Amino acid sequence: MAVPALTASPTADVLADPRDNVLRNLAKAVGSNRKAAAGIALLVTFALIAIFAPLIAPYDPHVLAFHQMGPPSAQHLLGTTGAGQDIFSQLIWSTRESLMLALVAGVITTAVSVLIGVSAAYLGGLWDHFLNLFTDVFLVIPTLPLMIVIAAYAQNHGLGVLIGVIVATGWSYGARQLRSQGLALRNREFLDAARVRGERASYIICFEVLPNMTSLIVAIFLGAALYAVLAAAVLQFIGLGDSNDLSWGTMLFWAEHNGALLAGSPWWVLAPGICIASLGAAFALVNYAFDELSNPALRPVKRTR
């Protein structure tokens, strides 16, 4: 009598880890979205440059051992600065601080937005009125003058001051968005069930409300990181950052201070400017792609031949 062939158990797929399917579907969605692929490729490129900066940069970015305002050559790909430093080496090392500032400021800004926006929506009453008024005040104040005033009156112009200025001027927009979505979730059945079980407000916010806002929180972080890239470059360019730091903004500050364009050293200006624009574009592309992936109404319609 023939032995029947063994077949896979119908419960095999059920026993598989569901997170594998989620990650697989997410990777497939990202791979099929050109904006997401381009943005992630740029971010990965900048991250690798920041990690391996000592191996990529041919010289010490601080060494003053070359001719001043030298043109691009085989030894100095982008030329030299007015102080005799290699521009390409400075550009590579500056990636570390610029990328770190964008990520740290983006994370802290998002955390402040979540704390104020979600708390106002869930607590309601006087808390909502007070936090909403506080948010409106920061929304109506012009951002650039506020950044300049805070940075100018700070005791020092270090990296911590830059991050603080960016957070102080960038959290309000995300808090308003989170409050709006929090108000829509406040009276949902699963939250009522958590209240009936006697759960504390902090537990409900952390484990019931925030998981339902994941897509919006990620979008706010990407927008905050983009804002941090541009804001830090502006503040450092006008001299409100630490001029001794190595970042793309300080490179622009010294290039303008030494009249790089008039002195025939355009790459001292163009190279950091292109990097700032590219990093900002990377965060913007990932943000747009994330909106398309999380909202089917924003996905482009595929044409049929």
Protein backbone atom coordinates (compact mmCIF):
# COMPACT_ATOMS: atom_id res chain seq x y z
CA MET A 1 0.00 0.00 0.00
CA ALA A 2 1.40 3.36 -1.04
CA VAL A 3 2.31 5.76 1.73
CA PRO A 4 0.60 9.12 1.28
CA ALA A 5 2.96 12.02 0.72
CA LEU A 6 3.56 14.28 3.69
CA THR A 7 2.00 17.70 3.30
CA ALA A 8 2.67 20.88 5.17
CA SER A 9 0.57 21.42 8.23
CA PRO A 10 -2.22 23.94 7.67
CA THR A 11 -1.17 25.62 10.90
CA ALA A 12 2.40 26.24 9.73
CA ASP A 13 1.59 29.71 8.44
CA VAL A 14 -0.36 30.48 11.59
CA LEU A 15 2.58 29.51 13.82
CA ALA A 16 4.97 31.68 11.83
CA ASP A 17 6.01 34.92 13.46
CA PRO A 18 3.61 37.62 12.17
CA ARG A 19 6.36 40.21 12.47
CA ASP A 20 8.20 38.52 9.59
CA ASN A 21 5.25 39.16 7.30
CA VAL A 22 5.00 42.77 8.46
CA LEU A 23 8.69 43.40 7.84
CA ARG A 24 8.52 41.62 4.50
CA ASN A 25 5.53 43.67 3.38
CA LEU A 26 7.17 46.89 4.58
CA ALA A 27 10.40 46.10 2.71
CA LYS A 28 8.42 45.29 -0.42
CA ALA A 29 6.43 48.52 -0.15
CA VAL A 30 9.59 50.59 0.35
CA GLY A 31 11.35 48.86 -2.52
CA SER A 32 8.47 49.57 -4.90
CA ASN A 33 8.36 53.28 -3.96
CA ARG A 34 10.99 55.30 -5.79
CA LYS A 35 10.85 58.20 -3.35
CA ALA A 36 11.42 55.94 -0.37
CA ALA A 37 14.25 54.07 -2.11
CA ALA A 38 16.00 57.29 -3.11
CA GLY A 39 15.59 58.89 0.32
CA ILE A 40 16.80 55.82 2.21
CA ALA A 41 19.75 55.42 -0.17
CA LEU A 42 20.81 59.01 0.52
CA LEU A 43 20.45 58.59 4.29
CA VAL A 44 22.44 55.36 4.25
CA THR A 45 25.15 57.05 2.17
CA PHE A 46 25.47 59.93 4.63
CA ALA A 47 25.46 57.51 7.57
CA LEU A 48 28.28 55.45 6.05
CA ILE A 49 30.29 58.60 5.33
CA ALA A 50 29.84 59.74 8.94
CA ILE A 51 30.87 56.35 10.33
CA PHE A 52 33.91 55.88 8.11
CA ALA A 53 35.01 59.52 7.97
CA PRO A 54 38.54 58.73 9.27
CA LEU A 55 39.03 56.26 6.41
CA ILE A 56 37.51 58.43 3.66
CA ALA A 57 39.06 61.81 4.49
CA PRO A 58 42.62 61.99 3.14
CA TYR A 59 43.83 64.62 5.65
CA ASP A 60 43.18 65.93 9.11
CA PRO A 61 40.47 68.57 8.65
CA HIS A 62 42.16 70.94 11.13
CA VAL A 63 45.71 70.78 9.81
CA LEU A 64 47.08 74.05 8.35
CA ALA A 65 49.72 72.64 6.03
CA PHE A 66 48.64 73.58 2.50
CA HIS A 67 48.51 76.60 0.25
CA GLN A 68 45.68 79.03 0.94
CA MET A 69 42.74 79.08 -1.49
CA GLY A 70 44.29 76.37 -3.60
CA PRO A 71 42.30 75.15 -6.64
CA PRO A 72 40.98 71.59 -6.98
CA SER A 73 43.69 69.08 -7.80
CA ALA A 74 44.57 65.41 -7.47
CA GLN A 75 45.83 66.02 -3.91
CA HIS A 76 42.93 68.29 -2.92
CA LEU A 77 39.76 67.27 -4.74
CA LEU A 78 37.83 70.41 -3.79
CA GLY A 79 40.75 72.76 -3.18
CA THR A 80 41.87 74.33 0.09
CA THR A 81 40.41 76.94 2.43
CA GLY A 82 41.67 80.40 3.24
CA ALA A 83 43.58 78.93 6.19
CA GLY A 84 45.18 76.15 4.13
CA GLN A 85 42.86 73.27 5.12
CA ASP A 86 41.64 70.56 2.78
CA ILE A 87 37.99 71.25 1.85
CA PHE A 88 37.15 67.65 0.98
CA SER A 89 38.38 66.41 4.36
CA GLN A 90 36.35 69.06 6.15
CA LEU A 91 33.29 68.12 4.11
CA ILE A 92 33.59 64.44 5.07
CA TRP A 93 34.13 65.10 8.78
CA SER A 94 31.32 67.68 8.86
CA THR A 95 28.84 64.95 7.92
CA ARG A 96 29.05 63.57 11.47
CA GLU A 97 27.89 66.67 13.29
CA SER A 98 25.32 67.68 10.68
CA LEU A 99 23.69 64.23 10.65
CA MET A 100 23.85 63.84 14.43
CA LEU A 101 22.31 67.28 14.95
CA ALA A 102 19.44 66.46 12.59
CA LEU A 103 18.68 63.11 14.27
CA VAL A 104 19.02 64.31 17.88
CA ALA A 105 17.04 67.49 17.33
CA GLY A 106 14.39 65.55 15.40
CA VAL A 107 13.98 62.98 18.19
CA ILE A 108 13.76 65.59 20.97
CA THR A 109 11.38 67.79 18.97
CA THR A 110 9.12 64.81 18.28
CA ALA A 111 9.17 63.80 21.97
CA VAL A 112 8.11 67.31 23.05
CA SER A 113 5.36 67.35 20.42
CA VAL A 114 4.06 63.97 21.60
CA LEU A 115 4.17 64.98 25.27
CA ILE A 116 2.27 68.23 24.82
CA GLY A 117 -0.08 67.28 21.98
CA VAL A 118 -1.23 63.89 23.27
CA SER A 119 -1.48 65.08 26.88
CA ALA A 120 -3.67 68.01 25.87
CA ALA A 121 -5.98 65.79 23.84
CA TYR A 122 -6.38 63.02 26.41
CA LEU A 123 -6.52 65.04 29.64
CA GLY A 124 -8.92 67.67 28.29
CA GLY A 125 -10.46 70.40 30.43
CA LEU A 126 -8.13 73.10 31.76
CA TRP A 127 -5.08 71.11 30.74
CA ASP A 128 -6.25 71.13 27.12
CA HIS A 129 -6.99 74.88 27.18
CA PHE A 130 -3.64 75.75 28.75
CA LEU A 131 -1.50 73.50 26.52
CA ASN A 132 -3.45 74.51 23.42
CA LEU A 133 -2.89 78.20 24.23
CA PHE A 134 0.79 77.51 24.85
CA THR A 135 1.04 75.79 21.47
CA ASP A 136 -0.78 78.62 19.68
CA VAL A 137 1.69 81.17 21.07
CA PHE A 138 4.63 79.32 19.50
CA LEU A 139 2.73 78.80 16.26
CA VAL A 140 2.09 82.52 15.68
CA ILE A 141 5.61 83.73 16.57
CA PRO A 142 7.83 84.01 13.44
CA THR A 143 10.27 81.13 13.58
CA LEU A 144 13.45 82.65 12.15
CA PRO A 145 13.48 85.80 14.33
CA LEU A 146 12.74 83.68 17.40
CA MET A 147 15.66 81.35 16.59
CA ILE A 148 18.02 84.28 16.11
CA VAL A 149 16.96 85.97 19.35
CA ILE A 150 17.31 82.80 21.45
CA ALA A 151 20.66 81.86 19.94
CA ALA A 152 22.02 85.41 20.20
CA TYR A 153 21.18 85.74 23.90
CA ALA A 154 22.52 82.28 24.84
CA GLN A 155 25.66 82.17 26.96
CA ASN A 156 27.50 80.01 24.44
CA HIS A 157 26.99 78.91 20.85
CA GLY A 158 27.67 75.19 21.25
CA LEU A 159 25.83 72.24 19.79
CA GLY A 160 23.51 72.01 22.80
CA VAL A 161 22.30 75.57 22.25
CA LEU A 162 21.58 74.84 18.59
CA ILE A 163 19.55 71.76 19.48
CA GLY A 164 17.67 73.69 22.17
CA VAL A 165 16.82 76.51 19.77
CA ILE A 166 15.62 74.08 17.10
CA VAL A 167 13.46 72.17 19.59
CA ALA A 168 12.01 75.35 21.10
CA THR A 169 10.92 76.66 17.69
CA GLY A 170 9.94 73.40 15.99
CA TRP A 171 7.70 71.38 18.34
CA SER A 172 4.43 73.34 18.06
CA TYR A 173 3.31 72.21 14.59
CA GLY A 174 3.65 68.53 15.44
CA ALA A 175 1.90 69.04 18.78
CA ARG A 176 -1.09 70.58 17.00
CA GLN A 177 -1.35 67.60 14.64
CA LEU A 178 -1.09 65.07 17.46
CA ARG A 179 -3.71 66.92 19.51
CA SER A 180 -6.15 66.77 16.59
CA GLN A 181 -5.71 63.04 16.16
CA GLY A 182 -5.80 62.52 19.93
CA LEU A 183 -9.17 64.24 20.13
CA ALA A 184 -10.47 61.85 17.48
CA LEU A 185 -9.29 58.86 19.53
CA ARG A 186 -10.25 60.06 23.00
CA ASN A 187 -13.78 58.60 23.03
CA ARG A 188 -13.08 55.37 21.14
CA GLU A 189 -14.32 52.08 22.60
CA PHE A 190 -10.92 50.57 23.33
CA LEU A 191 -10.02 53.59 25.47
CA ASP A 192 -13.32 53.33 27.34
CA ALA A 193 -12.56 49.67 27.98
CA ALA A 194 -9.14 50.59 29.38
CA ARG A 195 -10.72 53.15 31.72
CA VAL A 196 -13.26 50.59 32.90
CA ARG A 197 -10.41 48.19 33.70
CA GLY A 198 -9.00 50.90 35.96
CA GLU A 199 -5.86 51.61 33.94
CA ARG A 200 -3.92 54.75 34.78
CA ALA A 201 -3.83 57.70 32.38
CA SER A 202 -0.09 57.23 31.74
CA TYR A 203 -0.65 53.56 30.80
CA ILE A 204 -3.52 54.42 28.45
CA ILE A 205 -1.49 57.13 26.71
CA CYS A 206 1.65 54.99 26.30
CA PHE A 207 0.09 51.63 25.42
CA GLU A 208 -3.31 52.47 23.94
CA VAL A 209 -3.12 55.94 22.34
CA LEU A 210 0.45 56.22 21.04
CA PRO A 211 0.48 52.88 19.13
CA ASN A 212 -2.46 54.19 17.09
CA MET A 213 -0.46 57.32 16.19
CA THR A 214 2.70 55.59 15.00
CA SER A 215 2.43 56.72 11.37
CA LEU A 216 1.82 60.34 12.35
CA ILE A 217 4.68 60.32 14.89
CA VAL A 218 7.09 58.96 12.27
CA ALA A 219 5.98 61.66 9.81
CA ILE A 220 6.48 64.34 12.47
CA PHE A 221 9.99 63.04 13.21
CA LEU A 222 10.96 63.15 9.53
CA GLY A 223 9.61 66.68 9.22
CA ALA A 224 11.41 67.74 12.40
CA ALA A 225 14.70 66.27 11.15
CA LEU A 226 14.31 68.16 7.86
CA TYR A 227 13.61 71.36 9.81
CA ALA A 228 16.68 70.73 11.99
CA VAL A 229 18.97 70.35 8.97
CA LEU A 230 17.90 73.68 7.47
CA ALA A 231 17.63 75.60 10.76
CA ALA A 232 21.08 74.51 11.97
CA ALA A 233 22.64 75.48 8.64
CA VAL A 234 21.03 78.94 8.81
CA LEU A 235 22.09 79.60 12.41
CA GLN A 236 25.66 78.43 11.81
CA PHE A 237 25.92 80.36 8.55
CA ILE A 238 25.03 83.67 10.23
CA GLY A 239 27.56 83.00 13.01
CA LEU A 240 25.27 81.87 15.84
CA GLY A 241 26.88 78.46 16.12
CA ASP A 242 30.31 77.48 17.37
CA SER A 243 32.65 78.49 14.54
CA ASN A 244 35.21 75.91 15.70
CA ASP A 245 32.83 72.99 15.10
CA LEU A 246 33.04 70.93 11.94
CA SER A 247 29.70 71.08 10.16
CA TRP A 248 28.38 72.14 6.79
CA GLY A 249 26.92 75.31 8.27
CA THR A 250 30.25 76.42 9.76
CA MET A 251 31.95 75.65 6.44
CA LEU A 252 29.56 78.08 4.77
CA PHE A 253 30.23 80.63 7.53
CA TRP A 254 33.99 80.55 6.98
CA ALA A 255 33.59 80.49 3.19
CA GLU A 256 31.47 83.65 3.32
CA HIS A 257 33.81 85.21 5.89
CA ASN A 258 36.81 84.66 3.58
CA GLY A 259 35.01 85.68 0.39
CA ALA A 260 35.38 82.26 -1.23
CA LEU A 261 33.42 83.08 -4.37
CA LEU A 262 35.34 86.26 -5.07
CA ALA A 263 38.65 84.55 -4.28
CA GLY A 264 38.04 81.82 -6.86
CA SER A 265 37.17 78.95 -4.48
CA PRO A 266 33.54 78.14 -5.39
CA TRP A 267 33.61 74.54 -4.08
CA TRP A 268 34.10 75.84 -0.55
CA VAL A 269 30.54 77.16 -0.89
CA LEU A 270 28.96 74.71 -3.31
CA ALA A 271 30.05 71.43 -1.65
CA PRO A 272 28.48 72.03 1.81
CA GLY A 273 25.45 73.64 0.19
CA ILE A 274 24.87 70.58 -1.98
CA CYS A 275 25.26 68.29 1.05
CA ILE A 276 22.73 70.31 3.08
CA ALA A 277 20.26 70.21 0.19
CA SER A 278 20.83 66.47 -0.34
CA LEU A 279 20.32 65.57 3.34
CA GLY A 280 17.20 67.71 3.50
CA ALA A 281 15.92 66.09 0.30
CA ALA A 282 16.55 62.65 1.78
CA PHE A 283 14.34 63.33 4.80
CA ALA A 284 11.72 64.98 2.57
CA LEU A 285 11.60 62.03 0.15
CA VAL A 286 11.23 59.50 2.96
CA ASN A 287 8.50 61.66 4.49
CA TYR A 288 6.56 61.90 1.21
CA ALA A 289 6.97 58.17 0.59
CA PHE A 290 5.81 57.36 4.12
CA ASP A 291 2.68 59.46 3.54
CA GLU A 292 1.97 57.52 0.35
CA LEU A 293 2.52 54.15 2.02
CA SER A 294 0.34 54.96 5.04
CA ASN A 295 -2.43 56.73 3.07
CA PRO A 296 -3.71 54.84 0.01
CA ALA A 297 -5.44 58.00 -1.25
CA LEU A 298 -2.01 59.61 -1.85
CA ARG A 299 -0.56 56.74 -3.85
CA PRO A 300 -0.04 57.48 -7.52
CA VAL A 301 -2.38 55.71 -9.92
CA LYS A 302 -0.56 53.20 -12.10
CA ARG A 303 -1.35 53.54 -15.77
CA THR A 304 -2.33 50.43 -17.65
CA ARG A 305 -0.99 49.86 -21.12
